[in-house]
Amino acid sequence: MGIILRILLGGAILAVGIGFVWKTRDIYGFFGSVPFAEKYLGGGGSTLFYKLLGIVFCFIGFIVMFNLWDAFLQATLGSLFPRPA
């Protein structure tokens, strides 16, 4: 993937994540409540879920934008799936 496409795609994912964190009530009004979030996260669990989802989108957007997939996966799952020698 080219550097320009990677930056644009990562920026778009990052913008979606910022939108989820910033406009949580609007997202909640559009998508509605999340039953398992309300059950396990307590009252207001759906808004907390949408904010956490937005933070995950931001994290993934940065990883895509700066091309850190290999480093991230090696650091987190590398011990489970070692690279062949």
C-alpha atoms as a PDB file:
ATOM      1  CA  MET A   1       0.000   0.000   0.000  1.00  0.00           C
ATOM      2  CA  GLY A   2       1.404   3.395  -0.952  1.00  0.00           C
ATOM      3  CA  ILE A   3       2.298   5.978   1.642  1.00  0.00           C
ATOM      4  CA  ILE A   4      -0.392   8.442   0.506  1.00  0.00           C
ATOM      5  CA  LEU A   5      -3.137   5.811   0.564  1.00  0.00           C
ATOM      6  CA  ARG A   6      -1.949   4.570   3.955  1.00  0.00           C
ATOM      7  CA  ILE A   7      -2.023   8.087   5.411  1.00  0.00           C
ATOM      8  CA  LEU A   8      -5.470   8.810   3.949  1.00  0.00           C
ATOM      9  CA  LEU A   9      -6.932   5.492   5.122  1.00  0.00           C
ATOM     10  CA  GLY A  10      -5.405   5.846   8.585  1.00  0.00           C
ATOM     11  CA  GLY A  11      -6.633   9.436   8.793  1.00  0.00           C
ATOM     12  CA  ALA A  12     -10.154   8.363   7.833  1.00  0.00           C
ATOM     13  CA  ILE A  13     -10.182   5.628  10.491  1.00  0.00           C
ATOM     14  CA  LEU A  14      -8.789   8.116  13.004  1.00  0.00           C
ATOM     15  CA  ALA A  15     -11.504  10.647  12.084  1.00  0.00           C
ATOM     16  CA  VAL A  16     -14.212   8.020  12.621  1.00  0.00           C
ATOM     17  CA  GLY A  17     -12.729   7.227  16.034  1.00  0.00           C
ATOM     18  CA  ILE A  18     -12.603  10.898  17.012  1.00  0.00           C
ATOM     19  CA  GLY A  19     -16.205  11.238  15.861  1.00  0.00           C
ATOM     20  CA  PHE A  20     -17.264   8.307  18.035  1.00  0.00           C
ATOM     21  CA  VAL A  21     -15.578   9.798  21.105  1.00  0.00           C
ATOM     22  CA  TRP A  22     -16.663  13.374  20.447  1.00  0.00           C
ATOM     23  CA  LYS A  23     -20.284  12.796  19.367  1.00  0.00           C
ATOM     24  CA  THR A  24     -21.149   9.796  21.512  1.00  0.00           C
ATOM     25  CA  ARG A  25     -24.713  10.932  22.208  1.00  0.00           C
ATOM     26  CA  ASP A  26     -25.438  11.364  18.497  1.00  0.00           C
ATOM     27  CA  ILE A  27     -23.997   7.905  17.759  1.00  0.00           C
ATOM     28  CA  TYR A  28     -26.088   6.514  20.615  1.00  0.00           C
ATOM     29  CA  GLY A  29     -29.194   8.180  19.174  1.00  0.00           C
ATOM     30  CA  PHE A  30     -28.498   6.719  15.726  1.00  0.00           C
ATOM     31  CA  PHE A  31     -27.494   3.150  16.654  1.00  0.00           C
ATOM     32  CA  GLY A  32     -29.347   2.798  19.973  1.00  0.00           C
ATOM     33  CA  SER A  33     -28.315   0.965  23.100  1.00  0.00           C
ATOM     34  CA  VAL A  34     -26.030  -2.052  23.179  1.00  0.00           C
ATOM     35  CA  PRO A  35     -27.660  -4.685  25.427  1.00  0.00           C
ATOM     36  CA  PHE A  36     -24.501  -6.505  26.498  1.00  0.00           C
ATOM     37  CA  ALA A  37     -22.795  -3.173  27.293  1.00  0.00           C
ATOM     38  CA  GLU A  38     -25.710  -2.126  29.472  1.00  0.00           C
ATOM     39  CA  LYS A  39     -25.618  -5.506  31.200  1.00  0.00           C
ATOM     40  CA  TYR A  40     -21.877  -5.741  31.872  1.00  0.00           C
ATOM     41  CA  LEU A  41     -20.847  -2.073  32.075  1.00  0.00           C
ATOM     42  CA  GLY A  42     -23.799  -0.870  34.139  1.00  0.00           C
ATOM     43  CA  GLY A  43     -25.916   2.220  33.592  1.00  0.00           C
ATOM     44  CA  GLY A  44     -24.628   4.292  30.710  1.00  0.00           C
ATOM     45  CA  GLY A  45     -22.750   1.268  29.437  1.00  0.00           C
ATOM     46  CA  SER A  46     -23.705   1.922  25.833  1.00  0.00           C
ATOM     47  CA  THR A  47     -22.148   5.384  25.798  1.00  0.00           C
ATOM     48  CA  LEU A  48     -19.028   4.000  27.472  1.00  0.00           C
ATOM     49  CA  PHE A  49     -18.940   1.231  24.853  1.00  0.00           C
ATOM     50  CA  TYR A  50     -19.155   3.758  22.006  1.00  0.00           C
ATOM     51  CA  LYS A  51     -16.348   5.823  23.553  1.00  0.00           C
ATOM     52  CA  LEU A  52     -14.145   2.737  23.976  1.00  0.00           C
ATOM     53  CA  LEU A  53     -14.918   1.721  20.397  1.00  0.00           C
ATOM     54  CA  GLY A  54     -13.878   5.198  19.264  1.00  0.00           C
ATOM     55  CA  ILE A  55     -10.582   4.889  21.145  1.00  0.00           C
ATOM     56  CA  VAL A  56      -9.958   1.527  19.459  1.00  0.00           C
ATOM     57  CA  PHE A  57     -10.649   3.135  16.061  1.00  0.00           C
ATOM     58  CA  CYS A  58      -8.178   5.920  16.886  1.00  0.00           C
ATOM     59  CA  PHE A  59      -5.537   3.371  17.865  1.00  0.00           C
ATOM     60  CA  ILE A  60      -6.056   1.369  14.667  1.00  0.00           C
ATOM     61  CA  GLY A  61      -5.996   4.577  12.621  1.00  0.00           C
ATOM     62  CA  PHE A  62      -2.591   5.509  14.043  1.00  0.00           C
ATOM     63  CA  ILE A  63      -1.277   2.005  13.433  1.00  0.00           C
ATOM     64  CA  VAL A  64      -2.407   2.114   9.795  1.00  0.00           C
ATOM     65  CA  MET A  65      -1.194   5.671   9.246  1.00  0.00           C
ATOM     66  CA  PHE A  66       2.325   5.025  10.530  1.00  0.00           C
ATOM     67  CA  ASN A  67       2.581   1.470   9.128  1.00  0.00           C
ATOM     68  CA  LEU A  68       3.099  -0.183  12.510  1.00  0.00           C
ATOM     69  CA  TRP A  69       1.074  -3.372  11.889  1.00  0.00           C
ATOM     70  CA  ASP A  70       4.089  -5.673  11.833  1.00  0.00           C
ATOM     71  CA  ALA A  71       5.641  -4.129  14.932  1.00  0.00           C
ATOM     72  CA  PHE A  72       2.332  -4.171  16.829  1.00  0.00           C
ATOM     73  CA  LEU A  73       1.485  -7.768  15.949  1.00  0.00           C
ATOM     74  CA  GLN A  74       5.027  -8.938  16.675  1.00  0.00           C
ATOM     75  CA  ALA A  75       4.979  -7.202  20.069  1.00  0.00           C
ATOM     76  CA  THR A  76       1.554  -8.552  21.071  1.00  0.00           C
ATOM     77  CA  LEU A  77       1.195 -11.936  19.372  1.00  0.00           C
ATOM     78  CA  GLY A  78       4.795 -12.650  18.417  1.00  0.00           C
ATOM     79  CA  SER A  79       5.399 -15.082  21.245  1.00  0.00           C
ATOM     80  CA  LEU A  80       2.322 -17.110  20.253  1.00  0.00           C
ATOM     81  CA  PHE A  81       3.188 -17.195  16.556  1.00  0.00           C
ATOM     82  CA  PRO A  82       6.972 -16.976  16.142  1.00  0.00           C
ATOM     83  CA  ARG A  83       8.370 -16.174  12.712  1.00  0.00           C
ATOM     84  CA  PRO A  84       9.892 -19.125  10.872  1.00  0.00           C
ATOM     85  CA  ALA A  85      13.682 -19.103  10.814  1.00  0.00           C
END
